[in-house]
Amino acid sequence: MGKKIRRLKIGRLLLALLVLILLTAFLIWATVNGLRGIVIKYTADVQSFRPTTISEQVAIKGVLIKREHLITAPYNGSVSFAISDGQRVKAGSVFAVLTVNSLETSSGTIKHNLIVPASGVLSTHTDGLETVLVPEALDTIAIPALDQIPEDGQESFGQVEKAPNSKNY
């Protein structure tokens, strides 16, 4: 019986030792986690996120290819524009009045209204590319030829009206 009691004491002692080891490990783990939170709280720079927009602007060069229609005066004379350059115009509206010298009238002149064929923006200058840079020719335009276009895109050849996006002449 002495050996049984010794075995029970050794078993209880081992069980108590195991519990003590587990308890010590738990205390060490809890202390480390607690200290870690405290260390992070006082040493880390924590910032709150707010909804914002991140954007990047990049400067690029491009060529605007649009449908333009030149309107030429049917007679020689002086043109008086009823609409300023850069203003939007509606199809069918009068954008200029052409005054032509005539021997058939007592005043010696005849006035002709020049009508916009399609809605767009009035432009009283030409760049010489109205029939070159068109959407239909997009597949045939050579890239090196685009580099020869003036930076400001304007090379004045006279005053005319351009009505973009028109299918009628």
C-alpha atoms as a PDB file:
ATOM      1  CA  MET A   1       0.000   0.000   0.000  1.00  0.00           C
ATOM      2  CA  GLY A   2       2.865   2.352   0.516  1.00  0.00           C
ATOM      3  CA  LYS A   3       3.739   2.113  -3.117  1.00  0.00           C
ATOM      4  CA  LYS A   4       0.178   3.014  -4.148  1.00  0.00           C
ATOM      5  CA  ILE A   5       0.160   6.124  -2.024  1.00  0.00           C
ATOM      6  CA  ARG A   6       3.521   7.091  -3.456  1.00  0.00           C
ATOM      7  CA  ARG A   7       2.214   6.634  -6.961  1.00  0.00           C
ATOM      8  CA  LEU A   8      -0.862   8.736  -6.132  1.00  0.00           C
ATOM      9  CA  LYS A   9       1.329  11.441  -4.663  1.00  0.00           C
ATOM     10  CA  ILE A  10       3.594  11.367  -7.718  1.00  0.00           C
ATOM     11  CA  GLY A  11       0.538  11.435 -10.038  1.00  0.00           C
ATOM     12  CA  ARG A  12      -0.988  14.340  -8.133  1.00  0.00           C
ATOM     13  CA  LEU A  13       2.345  16.064  -8.082  1.00  0.00           C
ATOM     14  CA  LEU A  14       2.718  15.655 -11.877  1.00  0.00           C
ATOM     15  CA  LEU A  15      -0.853  16.867 -12.395  1.00  0.00           C
ATOM     16  CA  ALA A  16      -0.229  19.875 -10.142  1.00  0.00           C
ATOM     17  CA  LEU A  17       3.038  20.567 -11.980  1.00  0.00           C
ATOM     18  CA  LEU A  18       1.270  20.376 -15.347  1.00  0.00           C
ATOM     19  CA  VAL A  19      -1.464  22.753 -14.146  1.00  0.00           C
ATOM     20  CA  LEU A  20       1.180  25.087 -12.770  1.00  0.00           C
ATOM     21  CA  ILE A  21       3.088  25.042 -16.082  1.00  0.00           C
ATOM     22  CA  LEU A  22      -0.124  25.731 -18.056  1.00  0.00           C
ATOM     23  CA  LEU A  23      -1.115  28.521 -15.683  1.00  0.00           C
ATOM     24  CA  THR A  24       2.363  30.058 -15.950  1.00  0.00           C
ATOM     25  CA  ALA A  25       2.253  29.822 -19.778  1.00  0.00           C
ATOM     26  CA  PHE A  26      -1.180  31.477 -19.818  1.00  0.00           C
ATOM     27  CA  LEU A  27       0.001  34.293 -17.586  1.00  0.00           C
ATOM     28  CA  ILE A  28       3.069  34.862 -19.767  1.00  0.00           C
ATOM     29  CA  TRP A  29       0.899  34.857 -22.919  1.00  0.00           C
ATOM     30  CA  ALA A  30      -1.637  37.294 -21.404  1.00  0.00           C
ATOM     31  CA  THR A  31       1.143  39.581 -20.171  1.00  0.00           C
ATOM     32  CA  VAL A  32       2.893  39.635 -23.566  1.00  0.00           C
ATOM     33  CA  ASN A  33      -0.390  40.348 -25.433  1.00  0.00           C
ATOM     34  CA  GLY A  34      -1.338  43.051 -22.965  1.00  0.00           C
ATOM     35  CA  LEU A  35       2.069  44.663 -23.147  1.00  0.00           C
ATOM     36  CA  ARG A  36       2.056  44.414 -26.941  1.00  0.00           C
ATOM     37  CA  GLY A  37      -1.217  46.363 -27.095  1.00  0.00           C
ATOM     38  CA  ILE A  38       0.131  48.997 -24.749  1.00  0.00           C
ATOM     39  CA  VAL A  39       3.417  49.268 -26.685  1.00  0.00           C
ATOM     40  CA  ILE A  40       1.599  49.572 -30.011  1.00  0.00           C
ATOM     41  CA  LYS A  41      -0.838  52.114 -28.581  1.00  0.00           C
ATOM     42  CA  TYR A  42       1.921  54.459 -27.394  1.00  0.00           C
ATOM     43  CA  THR A  43       4.534  53.925 -30.123  1.00  0.00           C
ATOM     44  CA  ALA A  44       2.507  53.549 -33.338  1.00  0.00           C
ATOM     45  CA  ASP A  45       1.126  56.559 -35.189  1.00  0.00           C
ATOM     46  CA  VAL A  46      -2.468  55.551 -35.875  1.00  0.00           C
ATOM     47  CA  GLN A  47      -4.542  57.663 -38.241  1.00  0.00           C
ATOM     48  CA  SER A  48      -8.193  57.364 -39.167  1.00  0.00           C
ATOM     49  CA  PHE A  49      -9.115  56.985 -42.819  1.00  0.00           C
ATOM     50  CA  ARG A  50     -11.544  59.426 -44.356  1.00  0.00           C
ATOM     51  CA  PRO A  51     -13.171  59.097 -47.772  1.00  0.00           C
ATOM     52  CA  THR A  52     -11.063  61.003 -50.279  1.00  0.00           C
ATOM     53  CA  THR A  53     -10.433  61.073 -53.984  1.00  0.00           C
ATOM     54  CA  ILE A  54      -7.046  60.262 -55.403  1.00  0.00           C
ATOM     55  CA  SER A  55      -6.425  61.696 -58.829  1.00  0.00           C
ATOM     56  CA  GLU A  56      -3.523  62.131 -61.171  1.00  0.00           C
ATOM     57  CA  GLN A  57      -3.281  64.645 -63.961  1.00  0.00           C
ATOM     58  CA  VAL A  58      -1.212  63.855 -67.004  1.00  0.00           C
ATOM     59  CA  ALA A  59      -0.490  66.284 -69.832  1.00  0.00           C
ATOM     60  CA  ILE A  60      -0.888  64.678 -73.236  1.00  0.00           C
ATOM     61  CA  LYS A  61      -0.880  65.874 -76.818  1.00  0.00           C
ATOM     62  CA  GLY A  62      -3.704  64.930 -79.126  1.00  0.00           C
ATOM     63  CA  VAL A  63      -5.405  65.798 -82.375  1.00  0.00           C
ATOM     64  CA  LEU A  64      -9.142  66.392 -82.471  1.00  0.00           C
ATOM     65  CA  ILE A  65     -10.673  64.756 -85.517  1.00  0.00           C
ATOM     66  CA  LYS A  66     -14.205  65.933 -86.199  1.00  0.00           C
ATOM     67  CA  ARG A  67     -16.526  66.538 -89.101  1.00  0.00           C
ATOM     68  CA  GLU A  68     -16.313  70.155 -90.291  1.00  0.00           C
ATOM     69  CA  HIS A  69     -18.137  71.831 -93.135  1.00  0.00           C
ATOM     70  CA  LEU A  70     -16.875  74.896 -94.933  1.00  0.00           C
ATOM     71  CA  ILE A  71     -19.516  77.358 -96.038  1.00  0.00           C
ATOM     72  CA  THR A  72     -18.406  79.594 -98.849  1.00  0.00           C
ATOM     73  CA  ALA A  73     -20.252  82.708 -99.959  1.00  0.00           C
ATOM     74  CA  PRO A  74     -22.125  82.226-103.253  1.00  0.00           C
ATOM     75  CA  TYR A  75     -21.057  85.716-104.433  1.00  0.00           C
ATOM     76  CA  ASN A  76     -18.204  88.171-103.922  1.00  0.00           C
ATOM     77  CA  GLY A  77     -19.038  90.819-101.365  1.00  0.00           C
ATOM     78  CA  SER A  78     -18.644  91.833 -97.763  1.00  0.00           C
ATOM     79  CA  VAL A  79     -19.662  89.536 -94.903  1.00  0.00           C
ATOM     80  CA  SER A  80     -21.140  90.726 -91.645  1.00  0.00           C
ATOM     81  CA  PHE A  81     -21.324  87.988 -88.981  1.00  0.00           C
ATOM     82  CA  ALA A  82     -24.493  87.903 -86.880  1.00  0.00           C
ATOM     83  CA  ILE A  83     -22.930  85.424 -84.402  1.00  0.00           C
ATOM     84  CA  SER A  84     -19.581  85.717 -82.624  1.00  0.00           C
ATOM     85  CA  ASP A  85     -16.756  83.259 -83.200  1.00  0.00           C
ATOM     86  CA  GLY A  86     -17.031  80.280 -80.823  1.00  0.00           C
ATOM     87  CA  GLN A  87     -20.792  80.564 -80.219  1.00  0.00           C
ATOM     88  CA  ARG A  88     -23.113  77.601 -80.693  1.00  0.00           C
ATOM     89  CA  VAL A  89     -25.452  77.799 -83.687  1.00  0.00           C
ATOM     90  CA  LYS A  90     -28.605  75.872 -84.586  1.00  0.00           C
ATOM     91  CA  ALA A  91     -29.219  74.340 -87.989  1.00  0.00           C
ATOM     92  CA  GLY A  92     -31.158  76.701 -90.259  1.00  0.00           C
ATOM     93  CA  SER A  93     -30.221  79.872 -88.390  1.00  0.00           C
ATOM     94  CA  VAL A  94     -28.665  82.906 -90.079  1.00  0.00           C
ATOM     95  CA  PHE A  95     -25.029  83.279 -89.041  1.00  0.00           C
ATOM     96  CA  ALA A  96     -23.980  86.056 -91.459  1.00  0.00           C
ATOM     97  CA  VAL A  97     -25.258  88.526 -93.994  1.00  0.00           C
ATOM     98  CA  LEU A  98     -23.480  88.830 -97.347  1.00  0.00           C
ATOM     99  CA  THR A  99     -23.740  92.227 -99.014  1.00  0.00           C
ATOM    100  CA  VAL A 100     -23.170  92.093-102.774  1.00  0.00           C
ATOM    101  CA  ASN A 101     -22.902  95.013-105.205  1.00  0.00           C
ATOM    102  CA  SER A 102     -25.738  94.981-107.703  1.00  0.00           C
ATOM    103  CA  LEU A 103     -26.883  97.236-110.535  1.00  0.00           C
ATOM    104  CA  GLU A 104     -30.375  95.786-110.326  1.00  0.00           C
ATOM    105  CA  THR A 105     -31.403  97.611-107.154  1.00  0.00           C
ATOM    106  CA  SER A 106     -31.723 101.293-106.378  1.00  0.00           C
ATOM    107  CA  SER A 107     -29.435 100.952-103.338  1.00  0.00           C
ATOM    108  CA  GLY A 108     -26.767  99.271-105.447  1.00  0.00           C
ATOM    109  CA  THR A 109     -26.483  96.273-103.099  1.00  0.00           C
ATOM    110  CA  ILE A 110     -28.298  93.008-102.391  1.00  0.00           C
ATOM    111  CA  LYS A 111     -28.163  91.306 -99.011  1.00  0.00           C
ATOM    112  CA  HIS A 112     -28.079  87.504 -98.776  1.00  0.00           C
ATOM    113  CA  ASN A 113     -28.535  85.607 -95.526  1.00  0.00           C
ATOM    114  CA  LEU A 114     -25.994  82.826 -95.003  1.00  0.00           C
ATOM    115  CA  ILE A 115     -27.661  79.842 -93.297  1.00  0.00           C
ATOM    116  CA  VAL A 116     -26.037  77.257 -91.039  1.00  0.00           C
ATOM    117  CA  PRO A 117     -26.596  73.755 -92.517  1.00  0.00           C
ATOM    118  CA  ALA A 118     -26.178  71.931 -89.192  1.00  0.00           C
ATOM    119  CA  SER A 119     -25.916  72.696 -85.485  1.00  0.00           C
ATOM    120  CA  GLY A 120     -22.415  73.257 -84.168  1.00  0.00           C
ATOM    121  CA  VAL A 121     -19.925  75.929 -83.125  1.00  0.00           C
ATOM    122  CA  LEU A 122     -19.124  78.883 -85.363  1.00  0.00           C
ATOM    123  CA  SER A 123     -15.477  79.252 -86.287  1.00  0.00           C
ATOM    124  CA  THR A 124     -14.397  82.097 -88.537  1.00  0.00           C
ATOM    125  CA  HIS A 125     -10.928  80.765 -89.338  1.00  0.00           C
ATOM    126  CA  THR A 126      -9.559  77.804 -91.248  1.00  0.00           C
ATOM    127  CA  ASP A 127      -6.547  75.627 -90.598  1.00  0.00           C
ATOM    128  CA  GLY A 128      -6.414  73.919 -93.998  1.00  0.00           C
ATOM    129  CA  LEU A 129      -7.172  70.525 -92.454  1.00  0.00           C
ATOM    130  CA  GLU A 130     -10.990  70.609 -92.707  1.00  0.00           C
ATOM    131  CA  THR A 131     -10.998  67.969 -95.440  1.00  0.00           C
ATOM    132  CA  VAL A 132      -7.920  66.053 -94.238  1.00  0.00           C
ATOM    133  CA  LEU A 133      -8.615  65.317 -90.565  1.00  0.00           C
ATOM    134  CA  VAL A 134     -12.049  63.747 -90.914  1.00  0.00           C
ATOM    135  CA  PRO A 135     -13.425  60.637 -89.190  1.00  0.00           C
ATOM    136  CA  GLU A 136     -13.708  58.773 -92.507  1.00  0.00           C
ATOM    137  CA  ALA A 137      -9.945  59.110 -93.091  1.00  0.00           C
ATOM    138  CA  LEU A 138      -8.932  57.922 -89.628  1.00  0.00           C
ATOM    139  CA  ASP A 139      -7.608  54.592 -90.959  1.00  0.00           C
ATOM    140  CA  THR A 140      -5.499  56.278 -93.637  1.00  0.00           C
ATOM    141  CA  ILE A 141      -3.967  59.173 -91.674  1.00  0.00           C
ATOM    142  CA  ALA A 142      -0.220  58.675 -91.234  1.00  0.00           C
ATOM    143  CA  ILE A 143       1.063  59.329 -87.720  1.00  0.00           C
ATOM    144  CA  PRO A 144       4.182  61.277 -88.892  1.00  0.00           C
ATOM    145  CA  ALA A 145       1.882  63.643 -90.808  1.00  0.00           C
ATOM    146  CA  LEU A 146       0.121  64.508 -87.547  1.00  0.00           C
ATOM    147  CA  ASP A 147       3.400  65.781 -86.086  1.00  0.00           C
ATOM    148  CA  GLN A 148       3.470  68.504 -88.767  1.00  0.00           C
ATOM    149  CA  ILE A 149       0.225  70.078 -87.523  1.00  0.00           C
ATOM    150  CA  PRO A 150       0.866  73.465 -85.856  1.00  0.00           C
ATOM    151  CA  GLU A 151       0.771  73.405 -82.026  1.00  0.00           C
ATOM    152  CA  ASP A 152      -2.081  75.912 -81.793  1.00  0.00           C
ATOM    153  CA  GLY A 153      -4.000  74.074 -84.533  1.00  0.00           C
ATOM    154  CA  GLN A 154      -4.732  77.323 -86.336  1.00  0.00           C
ATOM    155  CA  GLU A 155      -3.258  78.556 -89.553  1.00  0.00           C
ATOM    156  CA  SER A 156      -5.568  81.230 -90.866  1.00  0.00           C
ATOM    157  CA  PHE A 157      -6.430  81.155 -94.567  1.00  0.00           C
ATOM    158  CA  GLY A 158      -9.449  83.471 -94.348  1.00  0.00           C
ATOM    159  CA  GLN A 159     -12.782  83.739 -92.618  1.00  0.00           C
ATOM    160  CA  VAL A 160     -15.296  80.970 -93.049  1.00  0.00           C
ATOM    161  CA  GLU A 161     -17.947  79.218 -90.978  1.00  0.00           C
ATOM    162  CA  LYS A 162     -17.438  75.650 -89.831  1.00  0.00           C
ATOM    163  CA  ALA A 163     -20.467  73.691 -88.669  1.00  0.00           C
ATOM    164  CA  PRO A 164     -19.280  70.413 -87.052  1.00  0.00           C
ATOM    165  CA  ASN A 165     -21.335  67.213 -87.103  1.00  0.00           C
ATOM    166  CA  SER A 166     -23.224  68.124 -90.237  1.00  0.00           C
ATOM    167  CA  LYS A 167     -24.152  65.597 -92.907  1.00  0.00           C
ATOM    168  CA  ASN A 168     -25.414  68.219 -95.348  1.00  0.00           C
ATOM    169  CA  TYR A 169     -23.360  70.755 -97.264  1.00  0.00           C
END
